[in-house]
Amino acid sequence: MNIPSREQCLQILKNNKTPSNIIEHWARGAELVKKLGYPEVAKVISKHTLYKVEIEENQPKTFEEKIVFYADKRVKNDKVVSLEERYDDIKKRYDVDLGWEMEFTKKIEKELL
């Protein structure tokens, strides 16, 4: 498996002017990493979003995908927060009901912990 080093990841982010408090490795991020020659990492990145997570093919399946998915749901800006705080923030910001997504994330949390 070809995985970039920490330094390579930081350089990729810097080269693409990624803000320090936001690292968006989803659609654009996954595509960029894939183009740079890291398809395994791109697949993991593509599974961390809530976008249409109710569709089974979009759900994280591997241990690595679940870790990245769960870690993303525990971070608000640059701080680690509870799932409740993170989902409350998303709900307020986008005015959406994320009840199903919250339960799905709690299931992932139980699997990982």
PDB file of N, CA and C in Angstrom:
ATOM      1  N   MET A   1       0.856  -1.174   0.000  1.00  0.00           N
ATOM      2  CA  MET A   1       0.000   0.000   0.000  1.00  0.00           C
ATOM      3  C   MET A   1       0.901   1.236   0.000  1.00  0.00           C
ATOM      4  N   ASN A   2       0.608   2.171  -0.856  1.00  0.00           N
ATOM      5  CA  ASN A   2       1.377   3.403  -0.977  1.00  0.00           C
ATOM      6  C   ASN A   2       0.689   4.501  -0.164  1.00  0.00           C
ATOM      7  N   ILE A   3       1.310   4.931   0.943  1.00  0.00           N
ATOM      8  CA  ILE A   3       0.727   5.933   1.836  1.00  0.00           C
ATOM      9  C   ILE A   3       1.719   7.073   2.004  1.00  0.00           C
ATOM     10  N   PRO A   4       1.267   8.330   1.837  1.00  0.00           N
ATOM     11  CA  PRO A   4       2.191   9.457   1.985  1.00  0.00           C
ATOM     12  C   PRO A   4       2.614   9.632   3.438  1.00  0.00           C
ATOM     13  N   SER A   5       3.799  10.146   3.634  1.00  0.00           N
ATOM     14  CA  SER A   5       4.298  10.425   4.987  1.00  0.00           C
ATOM     15  C   SER A   5       3.580  11.645   5.544  1.00  0.00           C
ATOM     16  N   ARG A   6       3.770  11.904   6.837  1.00  0.00           N
ATOM     17  CA  ARG A   6       3.174  13.085   7.463  1.00  0.00           C
ATOM     18  C   ARG A   6       3.652  14.345   6.748  1.00  0.00           C
ATOM     19  N   GLU A   7       4.935  14.401   6.454  1.00  0.00           N
ATOM     20  CA  GLU A   7       5.508  15.568   5.775  1.00  0.00           C
ATOM     21  C   GLU A   7       4.901  15.750   4.391  1.00  0.00           C
ATOM     22  N   GLN A   8       4.707  14.647   3.668  1.00  0.00           N
ATOM     23  CA  GLN A   8       4.088  14.726   2.341  1.00  0.00           C
ATOM     24  C   GLN A   8       2.645  15.223   2.451  1.00  0.00           C
ATOM     25  N   CYS A   9       1.916  14.750   3.456  1.00  0.00           N
ATOM     26  CA  CYS A   9       0.530  15.205   3.655  1.00  0.00           C
ATOM     27  C   CYS A   9       0.500  16.703   3.919  1.00  0.00           C
ATOM     28  N   LEU A  10       1.382  17.164   4.798  1.00  0.00           N
ATOM     29  CA  LEU A  10       1.429  18.596   5.099  1.00  0.00           C
ATOM     30  C   LEU A  10       1.798  19.414   3.871  1.00  0.00           C
ATOM     31  N   GLN A  11       2.716  18.898   3.070  1.00  0.00           N
ATOM     32  CA  GLN A  11       3.111  19.605   1.854  1.00  0.00           C
ATOM     33  C   GLN A  11       1.964  19.649   0.842  1.00  0.00           C
ATOM     34  N   ILE A  12       1.232  18.562   0.716  1.00  0.00           N
ATOM     35  CA  ILE A  12       0.069  18.527  -0.174  1.00  0.00           C
ATOM     36  C   ILE A  12      -0.939  19.590   0.254  1.00  0.00           C
ATOM     37  N   LEU A  13      -1.214  19.664   1.553  1.00  0.00           N
ATOM     38  CA  LEU A  13      -2.154  20.661   2.070  1.00  0.00           C
ATOM     39  C   LEU A  13      -1.638  22.078   1.808  1.00  0.00           C
ATOM     40  N   LYS A  14      -0.361  22.310   2.085  1.00  0.00           N
ATOM     41  CA  LYS A  14       0.235  23.636   1.869  1.00  0.00           C
ATOM     42  C   LYS A  14       0.175  24.024   0.393  1.00  0.00           C
ATOM     43  N   ASN A  15       0.536  23.105  -0.485  1.00  0.00           N
ATOM     44  CA  ASN A  15       0.532  23.374  -1.926  1.00  0.00           C
ATOM     45  C   ASN A  15      -0.853  23.737  -2.447  1.00  0.00           C
ATOM     46  N   ASN A  16      -1.874  23.262  -1.758  1.00  0.00           N
ATOM     47  CA  ASN A  16      -3.243  23.514  -2.196  1.00  0.00           C
ATOM     48  C   ASN A  16      -3.949  24.566  -1.349  1.00  0.00           C
ATOM     49  N   LYS A  17      -3.149  25.317  -0.575  1.00  0.00           N
ATOM     50  CA  LYS A  17      -3.646  26.461   0.212  1.00  0.00           C
ATOM     51  C   LYS A  17      -4.821  26.091   1.119  1.00  0.00           C
ATOM     52  N   THR A  18      -4.739  24.913   1.735  1.00  0.00           N
ATOM     53  CA  THR A  18      -5.777  24.480   2.654  1.00  0.00           C
ATOM     54  C   THR A  18      -5.668  25.280   3.947  1.00  0.00           C
ATOM     55  N   PRO A  19      -6.760  25.932   4.392  1.00  0.00           N
ATOM     56  CA  PRO A  19      -6.716  26.671   5.666  1.00  0.00           C
ATOM     57  C   PRO A  19      -6.325  25.732   6.804  1.00  0.00           C
ATOM     58  N   SER A  20      -5.579  26.268   7.767  1.00  0.00           N
ATOM     59  CA  SER A  20      -5.056  25.430   8.844  1.00  0.00           C
ATOM     60  C   SER A  20      -6.144  24.810   9.708  1.00  0.00           C
ATOM     61  N   ASN A  21      -7.286  25.487   9.874  1.00  0.00           N
ATOM     62  CA  ASN A  21      -8.337  24.926  10.721  1.00  0.00           C
ATOM     63  C   ASN A  21      -9.347  24.069   9.961  1.00  0.00           C
ATOM     64  N   ILE A  22      -9.183  23.973   8.656  1.00  0.00           N
ATOM     65  CA  ILE A  22     -10.110  23.160   7.856  1.00  0.00           C
ATOM     66  C   ILE A  22      -9.305  22.300   6.895  1.00  0.00           C
ATOM     67  N   ILE A  23      -9.419  21.009   7.075  1.00  0.00           N
ATOM     68  CA  ILE A  23      -8.772  20.087   6.141  1.00  0.00           C
ATOM     69  C   ILE A  23      -9.888  19.256   5.539  1.00  0.00           C
ATOM     70  N   GLU A  24     -10.302  19.616   4.347  1.00  0.00           N
ATOM     71  CA  GLU A  24     -11.451  18.985   3.698  1.00  0.00           C
ATOM     72  C   GLU A  24     -10.966  17.893   2.774  1.00  0.00           C
ATOM     73  N   HIS A  25     -10.729  16.669   3.366  1.00  0.00           N
ATOM     74  CA  HIS A  25     -10.342  15.540   2.502  1.00  0.00           C
ATOM     75  C   HIS A  25     -11.591  14.794   2.129  1.00  0.00           C
ATOM     76  N   TRP A  26     -12.544  15.336   1.324  1.00  0.00           N
ATOM     77  CA  TRP A  26     -13.680  14.556   0.877  1.00  0.00           C
ATOM     78  C   TRP A  26     -13.634  14.518  -0.640  1.00  0.00           C
ATOM     79  N   ALA A  27     -14.625  14.978  -1.354  1.00  0.00           N
ATOM     80  CA  ALA A  27     -14.657  14.823  -2.809  1.00  0.00           C
ATOM     81  C   ALA A  27     -13.416  15.401  -3.476  1.00  0.00           C
ATOM     82  N   ARG A  28     -13.155  16.678  -3.268  1.00  0.00           N
ATOM     83  CA  ARG A  28     -11.985  17.284  -3.912  1.00  0.00           C
ATOM     84  C   ARG A  28     -10.691  16.751  -3.313  1.00  0.00           C
ATOM     85  N   GLY A  29     -10.690  16.596  -2.001  1.00  0.00           N
ATOM     86  CA  GLY A  29      -9.492  16.084  -1.339  1.00  0.00           C
ATOM     87  C   GLY A  29      -9.162  14.668  -1.772  1.00  0.00           C
ATOM     88  N   ALA A  30     -10.185  13.823  -1.824  1.00  0.00           N
ATOM     89  CA  ALA A  30      -9.970  12.437  -2.246  1.00  0.00           C
ATOM     90  C   ALA A  30      -9.478  12.380  -3.690  1.00  0.00           C
ATOM     91  N   GLU A  31     -10.052  13.185  -4.550  1.00  0.00           N
ATOM     92  CA  GLU A  31      -9.640  13.201  -5.956  1.00  0.00           C
ATOM     93  C   GLU A  31      -8.194  13.675  -6.097  1.00  0.00           C
ATOM     94  N   LEU A  32      -7.837  14.707  -5.342  1.00  0.00           N
ATOM     95  CA  LEU A  32      -6.465  15.213  -5.380  1.00  0.00           C
ATOM     96  C   LEU A  32      -5.476  14.142  -4.935  1.00  0.00           C
ATOM     97  N   VAL A  33      -5.767  13.489  -3.820  1.00  0.00           N
ATOM     98  CA  VAL A  33      -4.859  12.467  -3.294  1.00  0.00           C
ATOM     99  C   VAL A  33      -4.751  11.294  -4.266  1.00  0.00           C
ATOM    100  N   LYS A  34      -5.853  10.948  -4.900  1.00  0.00           N
ATOM    101  CA  LYS A  34      -5.835   9.874  -5.895  1.00  0.00           C
ATOM    102  C   LYS A  34      -4.940  10.254  -7.073  1.00  0.00           C
ATOM    103  N   LYS A  35      -5.074  11.497  -7.558  1.00  0.00           N
ATOM    104  CA  LYS A  35      -4.246  11.960  -8.676  1.00  0.00           C
ATOM    105  C   LYS A  35      -2.768  11.988  -8.322  1.00  0.00           C
ATOM    106  N   LEU A  36      -2.477  12.195  -7.034  1.00  0.00           N
ATOM    107  CA  LEU A  36      -1.088  12.239  -6.583  1.00  0.00           C
ATOM    108  C   LEU A  36      -0.486  10.845  -6.401  1.00  0.00           C
ATOM    109  N   GLY A  37      -1.300   9.818  -6.635  1.00  0.00           N
ATOM    110  CA  GLY A  37      -0.784   8.453  -6.606  1.00  0.00           C
ATOM    111  C   GLY A  37      -1.061   7.676  -5.338  1.00  0.00           C
ATOM    112  N   TYR A  38      -2.073   8.104  -4.569  1.00  0.00           N
ATOM    113  CA  TYR A  38      -2.403   7.414  -3.329  1.00  0.00           C
ATOM    114  C   TYR A  38      -3.861   6.965  -3.333  1.00  0.00           C
ATOM    115  N   PRO A  39      -4.226   6.019  -4.210  1.00  0.00           N
ATOM    116  CA  PRO A  39      -5.630   5.619  -4.334  1.00  0.00           C
ATOM    117  C   PRO A  39      -6.214   4.987  -3.074  1.00  0.00           C
ATOM    118  N   GLU A  40      -5.396   4.249  -2.294  1.00  0.00           N
ATOM    119  CA  GLU A  40      -5.898   3.631  -1.070  1.00  0.00           C
ATOM    120  C   GLU A  40      -6.295   4.692  -0.055  1.00  0.00           C
ATOM    121  N   VAL A  41      -5.491   5.731   0.067  1.00  0.00           N
ATOM    122  CA  VAL A  41      -5.784   6.820   0.991  1.00  0.00           C
ATOM    123  C   VAL A  41      -7.008   7.597   0.508  1.00  0.00           C
ATOM    124  N   ALA A  42      -7.115   7.797  -0.799  1.00  0.00           N
ATOM    125  CA  ALA A  42      -8.260   8.522  -1.365  1.00  0.00           C
ATOM    126  C   ALA A  42      -9.573   7.814  -1.037  1.00  0.00           C
ATOM    127  N   LYS A  43      -9.570   6.490  -1.076  1.00  0.00           N
ATOM    128  CA  LYS A  43     -10.798   5.745  -0.769  1.00  0.00           C
ATOM    129  C   LYS A  43     -11.213   5.962   0.682  1.00  0.00           C
ATOM    130  N   VAL A  44     -10.251   5.946   1.587  1.00  0.00           N
ATOM    131  CA  VAL A  44     -10.551   6.183   3.001  1.00  0.00           C
ATOM    132  C   VAL A  44     -11.099   7.592   3.192  1.00  0.00           C
ATOM    133  N   ILE A  45     -10.468   8.567   2.554  1.00  0.00           N
ATOM    134  CA  ILE A  45     -10.906   9.960   2.657  1.00  0.00           C
ATOM    135  C   ILE A  45     -12.339  10.117   2.163  1.00  0.00           C
ATOM    136  N   SER A  46     -12.673   9.447   1.082  1.00  0.00           N
ATOM    137  CA  SER A  46     -13.995   9.622   0.476  1.00  0.00           C
ATOM    138  C   SER A  46     -15.136   9.095   1.337  1.00  0.00           C
ATOM    139  N   LYS A  47     -14.835   8.302   2.360  1.00  0.00           N
ATOM    140  CA  LYS A  47     -15.883   7.701   3.193  1.00  0.00           C
ATOM    141  C   LYS A  47     -16.127   8.449   4.500  1.00  0.00           C
ATOM    142  N   HIS A  48     -15.553   9.622   4.706  1.00  0.00           N
ATOM    143  CA  HIS A  48     -15.719  10.274   6.001  1.00  0.00           C
ATOM    144  C   HIS A  48     -16.825  11.322   6.034  1.00  0.00           C
ATOM    145  N   THR A  49     -17.509  11.515   4.965  1.00  0.00           N
ATOM    146  CA  THR A  49     -18.547  12.538   4.900  1.00  0.00           C
ATOM    147  C   THR A  49     -19.908  12.018   5.370  1.00  0.00           C
ATOM    148  N   LEU A  50     -20.790  12.934   5.706  1.00  0.00           N
ATOM    149  CA  LEU A  50     -22.178  12.587   5.999  1.00  0.00           C
ATOM    150  C   LEU A  50     -23.044  12.645   4.748  1.00  0.00           C
ATOM    151  N   TYR A  51     -22.473  13.090   3.640  1.00  0.00           N
ATOM    152  CA  TYR A  51     -23.241  13.256   2.418  1.00  0.00           C
ATOM    153  C   TYR A  51     -23.804  11.914   1.961  1.00  0.00           C
ATOM    154  N   LYS A  52     -25.118  11.803   2.018  1.00  0.00           N
ATOM    155  CA  LYS A  52     -25.846  10.602   1.602  1.00  0.00           C
ATOM    156  C   LYS A  52     -25.309   9.336   2.275  1.00  0.00           C
ATOM    157  N   VAL A  53     -24.955   9.455   3.564  1.00  0.00           N
ATOM    158  CA  VAL A  53     -24.409   8.314   4.289  1.00  0.00           C
ATOM    159  C   VAL A  53     -25.448   7.207   4.498  1.00  0.00           C
ATOM    160  N   GLU A  54     -26.720   7.541   4.301  1.00  0.00           N
ATOM    161  CA  GLU A  54     -27.754   6.515   4.426  1.00  0.00           C
ATOM    162  C   GLU A  54     -27.686   5.482   3.305  1.00  0.00           C
ATOM    163  N   ILE A  55     -27.021   5.819   2.211  1.00  0.00           N
ATOM    164  CA  ILE A  55     -26.829   4.878   1.104  1.00  0.00           C
ATOM    165  C   ILE A  55     -25.656   3.972   1.468  1.00  0.00           C
ATOM    166  N   GLU A  56     -25.902   2.689   1.458  1.00  0.00           N
ATOM    167  CA  GLU A  56     -24.905   1.732   1.958  1.00  0.00           C
ATOM    168  C   GLU A  56     -23.535   1.865   1.293  1.00  0.00           C
ATOM    169  N   GLU A  57     -23.495   2.113  -0.002  1.00  0.00           N
ATOM    170  CA  GLU A  57     -22.201   2.200  -0.684  1.00  0.00           C
ATOM    171  C   GLU A  57     -21.374   3.412  -0.235  1.00  0.00           C
ATOM    172  N   ASN A  58     -22.021   4.405   0.387  1.00  0.00           N
ATOM    173  CA  ASN A  58     -21.312   5.583   0.892  1.00  0.00           C
ATOM    174  C   ASN A  58     -20.810   5.406   2.317  1.00  0.00           C
ATOM    175  N   GLN A  59     -21.221   4.348   2.987  1.00  0.00           N
ATOM    176  CA  GLN A  59     -20.869   4.137   4.381  1.00  0.00           C
ATOM    177  C   GLN A  59     -19.462   3.571   4.541  1.00  0.00           C
ATOM    178  N   PRO A  60     -18.790   3.992   5.610  1.00  0.00           N
ATOM    179  CA  PRO A  60     -17.457   3.431   5.865  1.00  0.00           C
ATOM    180  C   PRO A  60     -17.578   1.949   6.215  1.00  0.00           C
ATOM    181  N   LYS A  61     -16.703   1.133   5.640  1.00  0.00           N
ATOM    182  CA  LYS A  61     -16.755  -0.316   5.868  1.00  0.00           C
ATOM    183  C   LYS A  61     -15.491  -0.828   6.564  1.00  0.00           C
ATOM    184  N   THR A  62     -14.339  -0.383   6.091  1.00  0.00           N
ATOM    185  CA  THR A  62     -13.088  -0.877   6.663  1.00  0.00           C
ATOM    186  C   THR A  62     -12.808  -0.180   7.986  1.00  0.00           C
ATOM    187  N   PHE A  63     -11.921  -0.768   8.766  1.00  0.00           N
ATOM    188  CA  PHE A  63     -11.522  -0.182  10.047  1.00  0.00           C
ATOM    189  C   PHE A  63     -10.967   1.222   9.829  1.00  0.00           C
ATOM    190  N   GLU A  64     -10.130   1.383   8.808  1.00  0.00           N
ATOM    191  CA  GLU A  64      -9.538   2.692   8.522  1.00  0.00           C
ATOM    192  C   GLU A  64     -10.599   3.729   8.156  1.00  0.00           C
ATOM    193  N   GLU A  65     -11.551   3.339   7.320  1.00  0.00           N
ATOM    194  CA  GLU A  65     -12.629   4.250   6.926  1.00  0.00           C
ATOM    195  C   GLU A  65     -13.456   4.668   8.135  1.00  0.00           C
ATOM    196  N   LYS A  66     -13.734   3.718   9.031  1.00  0.00           N
ATOM    197  CA  LYS A  66     -14.522   4.017  10.226  1.00  0.00           C
ATOM    198  C   LYS A  66     -13.771   4.961  11.166  1.00  0.00           C
ATOM    199  N   ILE A  67     -12.474   4.773  11.304  1.00  0.00           N
ATOM    200  CA  ILE A  67     -11.680   5.656  12.161  1.00  0.00           C
ATOM    201  C   ILE A  67     -11.716   7.084  11.635  1.00  0.00           C
ATOM    202  N   VAL A  68     -11.494   7.260  10.349  1.00  0.00           N
ATOM    203  CA  VAL A  68     -11.493   8.600   9.759  1.00  0.00           C
ATOM    204  C   VAL A  68     -12.889   9.215   9.846  1.00  0.00           C
ATOM    205  N   PHE A  69     -13.920   8.430   9.556  1.00  0.00           N
ATOM    206  CA  PHE A  69     -15.303   8.914   9.653  1.00  0.00           C
ATOM    207  C   PHE A  69     -15.599   9.397  11.071  1.00  0.00           C
ATOM    208  N   TYR A  70     -15.288   8.559  12.052  1.00  0.00           N
ATOM    209  CA  TYR A  70     -15.583   8.892  13.449  1.00  0.00           C
ATOM    210  C   TYR A  70     -14.757  10.088  13.926  1.00  0.00           C
ATOM    211  N   ALA A  71     -13.486  10.115  13.595  1.00  0.00           N
ATOM    212  CA  ALA A  71     -12.629  11.231  14.006  1.00  0.00           C
ATOM    213  C   ALA A  71     -13.166  12.549  13.468  1.00  0.00           C
ATOM    214  N   ASP A  72     -13.639  12.549  12.239  1.00  0.00           N
ATOM    215  CA  ASP A  72     -14.204  13.760  11.639  1.00  0.00           C
ATOM    216  C   ASP A  72     -15.425  14.248  12.420  1.00  0.00           C
ATOM    217  N   LYS A  73     -16.206  13.324  12.957  1.00  0.00           N
ATOM    218  CA  LYS A  73     -17.421  13.703  13.678  1.00  0.00           C
ATOM    219  C   LYS A  73     -17.133  14.146  15.106  1.00  0.00           C
ATOM    220  N   ARG A  74     -15.904  14.005  15.553  1.00  0.00           N
ATOM    221  CA  ARG A  74     -15.531  14.424  16.913  1.00  0.00           C
ATOM    222  C   ARG A  74     -14.755  15.732  16.932  1.00  0.00           C
ATOM    223  N   VAL A  75     -14.575  16.354  15.768  1.00  0.00           N
ATOM    224  CA  VAL A  75     -13.805  17.595  15.699  1.00  0.00           C
ATOM    225  C   VAL A  75     -14.681  18.739  15.206  1.00  0.00           C
ATOM    226  N   LYS A  76     -14.648  19.830  15.953  1.00  0.00           N
ATOM    227  CA  LYS A  76     -15.352  21.061  15.573  1.00  0.00           C
ATOM    228  C   LYS A  76     -14.267  22.125  15.453  1.00  0.00           C
ATOM    229  N   ASN A  77     -14.086  22.606  14.238  1.00  0.00           N
ATOM    230  CA  ASN A  77     -12.983  23.524  13.931  1.00  0.00           C
ATOM    231  C   ASN A  77     -11.665  22.839  14.273  1.00  0.00           C
ATOM    232  N   ASP A  78     -10.995  23.257  15.342  1.00  0.00           N
ATOM    233  CA  ASP A  78      -9.725  22.627  15.687  1.00  0.00           C
ATOM    234  C   ASP A  78      -9.751  22.016  17.089  1.00  0.00           C
ATOM    235  N   LYS A  79     -10.948  21.669  17.585  1.00  0.00           N
ATOM    236  CA  LYS A  79     -11.087  21.105  18.924  1.00  0.00           C
ATOM    237  C   LYS A  79     -11.843  19.785  18.886  1.00  0.00           C
ATOM    238  N   VAL A  80     -11.439  18.857  19.753  1.00  0.00           N
ATOM    239  CA  VAL A  80     -12.157  17.601  19.911  1.00  0.00           C
ATOM    240  C   VAL A  80     -13.349  17.867  20.819  1.00  0.00           C
ATOM    241  N   VAL A  81     -14.540  17.475  20.351  1.00  0.00           N
ATOM    242  CA  VAL A  81     -15.783  17.712  21.088  1.00  0.00           C
ATOM    243  C   VAL A  81     -16.602  16.421  21.133  1.00  0.00           C
ATOM    244  N   SER A  82     -17.674  16.438  21.902  1.00  0.00           N
ATOM    245  CA  SER A  82     -18.572  15.279  21.950  1.00  0.00           C
ATOM    246  C   SER A  82     -19.342  15.181  20.631  1.00  0.00           C
ATOM    247  N   LEU A  83     -19.888  14.002  20.382  1.00  0.00           N
ATOM    248  CA  LEU A  83     -20.726  13.839  19.189  1.00  0.00           C
ATOM    249  C   LEU A  83     -21.916  14.786  19.246  1.00  0.00           C
ATOM    250  N   GLU A  84     -22.494  14.941  20.424  1.00  0.00           N
ATOM    251  CA  GLU A  84     -23.651  15.816  20.575  1.00  0.00           C
ATOM    252  C   GLU A  84     -23.318  17.251  20.189  1.00  0.00           C
ATOM    253  N   GLU A  85     -22.173  17.750  20.681  1.00  0.00           N
ATOM    254  CA  GLU A  85     -21.782  19.122  20.347  1.00  0.00           C
ATOM    255  C   GLU A  85     -21.524  19.273  18.851  1.00  0.00           C
ATOM    256  N   ARG A  86     -20.866  18.288  18.268  1.00  0.00           N
ATOM    257  CA  ARG A  86     -20.552  18.354  16.832  1.00  0.00           C
ATOM    258  C   ARG A  86     -21.832  18.344  15.992  1.00  0.00           C
ATOM    259  N   TYR A  87     -22.753  17.447  16.316  1.00  0.00           N
ATOM    260  CA  TYR A  87     -23.992  17.366  15.541  1.00  0.00           C
ATOM    261  C   TYR A  87     -24.890  18.570  15.780  1.00  0.00           C
ATOM    262  N   ASP A  88     -24.901  19.104  17.004  1.00  0.00           N
ATOM    263  CA  ASP A  88     -25.662  20.339  17.255  1.00  0.00           C
ATOM    264  C   ASP A  88     -25.132  21.470  16.388  1.00  0.00           C
ATOM    265  N   ASP A  89     -23.816  21.558  16.277  1.00  0.00           N
ATOM    266  CA  ASP A  89     -23.195  22.592  15.451  1.00  0.00           C
ATOM    267  C   ASP A  89     -23.584  22.432  13.979  1.00  0.00           C
ATOM    268  N   ILE A  90     -23.531  21.217  13.476  1.00  0.00           N
ATOM    269  CA  ILE A  90     -23.897  20.963  12.078  1.00  0.00           C
ATOM    270  C   ILE A  90     -25.373  21.303  11.852  1.00  0.00           C
ATOM    271  N   LYS A  91     -26.228  20.893  12.801  1.00  0.00           N
ATOM    272  CA  LYS A  91     -27.661  21.158  12.681  1.00  0.00           C
ATOM    273  C   LYS A  91     -27.941  22.660  12.624  1.00  0.00           C
ATOM    274  N   LYS A  92     -27.300  23.422  13.506  1.00  0.00           N
ATOM    275  CA  LYS A  92     -27.490  24.874  13.522  1.00  0.00           C
ATOM    276  C   LYS A  92     -26.947  25.525  12.253  1.00  0.00           C
ATOM    277  N   ARG A  93     -25.775  25.067  11.838  1.00  0.00           N
ATOM    278  CA  ARG A  93     -25.122  25.685  10.682  1.00  0.00           C
ATOM    279  C   ARG A  93     -25.892  25.449   9.385  1.00  0.00           C
ATOM    280  N   TYR A  94     -26.434  24.242   9.213  1.00  0.00           N
ATOM    281  CA  TYR A  94     -27.069  23.894   7.948  1.00  0.00           C
ATOM    282  C   TYR A  94     -28.575  23.698   8.042  1.00  0.00           C
ATOM    283  N   ASP A  95     -29.138  23.852   9.250  1.00  0.00           N
ATOM    284  CA  ASP A  95     -30.576  23.710   9.471  1.00  0.00           C
ATOM    285  C   ASP A  95     -31.102  22.389   8.908  1.00  0.00           C
ATOM    286  N   VAL A  96     -30.504  21.298   9.372  1.00  0.00           N
ATOM    287  CA  VAL A  96     -30.893  19.959   8.914  1.00  0.00           C
ATOM    288  C   VAL A  96     -31.104  19.051  10.118  1.00  0.00           C
ATOM    289  N   ASP A  97     -31.931  18.032   9.930  1.00  0.00           N
ATOM    290  CA  ASP A  97     -32.149  17.012  10.957  1.00  0.00           C
ATOM    291  C   ASP A  97     -31.190  15.865  10.686  1.00  0.00           C
ATOM    292  N   LEU A  98     -30.332  15.580  11.649  1.00  0.00           N
ATOM    293  CA  LEU A  98     -29.318  14.541  11.459  1.00  0.00           C
ATOM    294  C   LEU A  98     -29.483  13.392  12.453  1.00  0.00           C
ATOM    295  N   GLY A  99     -30.741  13.114  12.840  1.00  0.00           N
ATOM    296  CA  GLY A  99     -31.001  12.046  13.806  1.00  0.00           C
ATOM    297  C   GLY A  99     -30.462  10.698  13.358  1.00  0.00           C
ATOM    298  N   TRP A 100     -30.740  10.330  12.120  1.00  0.00           N
ATOM    299  CA  TRP A 100     -30.284   9.037  11.604  1.00  0.00           C
ATOM    300  C   TRP A 100     -28.763   8.995  11.546  1.00  0.00           C
ATOM    301  N   GLU A 101     -28.165  10.082  11.091  1.00  0.00           N
ATOM    302  CA  GLU A 101     -26.707  10.153  10.974  1.00  0.00           C
ATOM    303  C   GLU A 101     -26.031  10.070  12.349  1.00  0.00           C
ATOM    304  N   MET A 102     -26.648  10.694  13.358  1.00  0.00           N
ATOM    305  CA  MET A 102     -26.113  10.638  14.716  1.00  0.00           C
ATOM    306  C   MET A 102     -26.138   9.203  15.235  1.00  0.00           C
ATOM    307  N   GLU A 103     -27.245   8.507  15.026  1.00  0.00           N
ATOM    308  CA  GLU A 103     -27.342   7.111  15.463  1.00  0.00           C
ATOM    309  C   GLU A 103     -26.329   6.232  14.722  1.00  0.00           C
ATOM    310  N   PHE A 104     -26.160   6.487  13.442  1.00  0.00           N
ATOM    311  CA  PHE A 104     -25.175   5.751  12.651  1.00  0.00           C
ATOM    312  C   PHE A 104     -23.773   5.970  13.230  1.00  0.00           C
ATOM    313  N   THR A 105     -23.455   7.208  13.578  1.00  0.00           N
ATOM    314  CA  THR A 105     -22.136   7.526  14.129  1.00  0.00           C
ATOM    315  C   THR A 105     -21.949   6.887  15.498  1.00  0.00           C
ATOM    316  N   LYS A 106     -22.996   6.844  16.308  1.00  0.00           N
ATOM    317  CA  LYS A 106     -22.901   6.172  17.608  1.00  0.00           C
ATOM    318  C   LYS A 106     -22.621   4.681  17.441  1.00  0.00           C
ATOM    319  N   LYS A 107     -23.201   4.092  16.393  1.00  0.00           N
ATOM    320  CA  LYS A 107     -22.945   2.678  16.089  1.00  0.00           C
ATOM    321  C   LYS A 107     -21.466   2.482  15.728  1.00  0.00           C
ATOM    322  N   ILE A 108     -20.919   3.376  14.920  1.00  0.00           N
ATOM    323  CA  ILE A 108     -19.502   3.319  14.553  1.00  0.00           C
ATOM    324  C   ILE A 108     -18.648   3.481  15.820  1.00  0.00           C
ATOM    325  N   GLU A 109     -19.044   4.423  16.684  1.00  0.00           N
ATOM    326  CA  GLU A 109     -18.314   4.656  17.939  1.00  0.00           C
ATOM    327  C   GLU A 109     -18.249   3.377  18.783  1.00  0.00           C
ATOM    328  N   LYS A 110     -19.369   2.686  18.912  1.00  0.00           N
ATOM    329  CA  LYS A 110     -19.394   1.437  19.686  1.00  0.00           C
ATOM    330  C   LYS A 110     -18.478   0.382  19.070  1.00  0.00           C
ATOM    331  N   GLU A 111     -18.451   0.317  17.751  1.00  0.00           N
ATOM    332  CA  GLU A 111     -17.581  -0.648  17.076  1.00  0.00           C
ATOM    333  C   GLU A 111     -16.108  -0.353  17.342  1.00  0.00           C
ATOM    334  N   LEU A 112     -15.766   0.935  17.350  1.00  0.00           N
ATOM    335  CA  LEU A 112     -14.369   1.318  17.507  1.00  0.00           C
ATOM    336  C   LEU A 112     -13.899   1.297  18.951  1.00  0.00           C
ATOM    337  N   LEU A 113     -14.804   1.605  19.870  1.00  0.00           N
ATOM    338  CA  LEU A 113     -14.408   1.678  21.267  1.00  0.00           C
ATOM    339  C   LEU A 113     -14.775   0.406  21.978  1.00  0.00           C
TER     340      LEU A 113
END
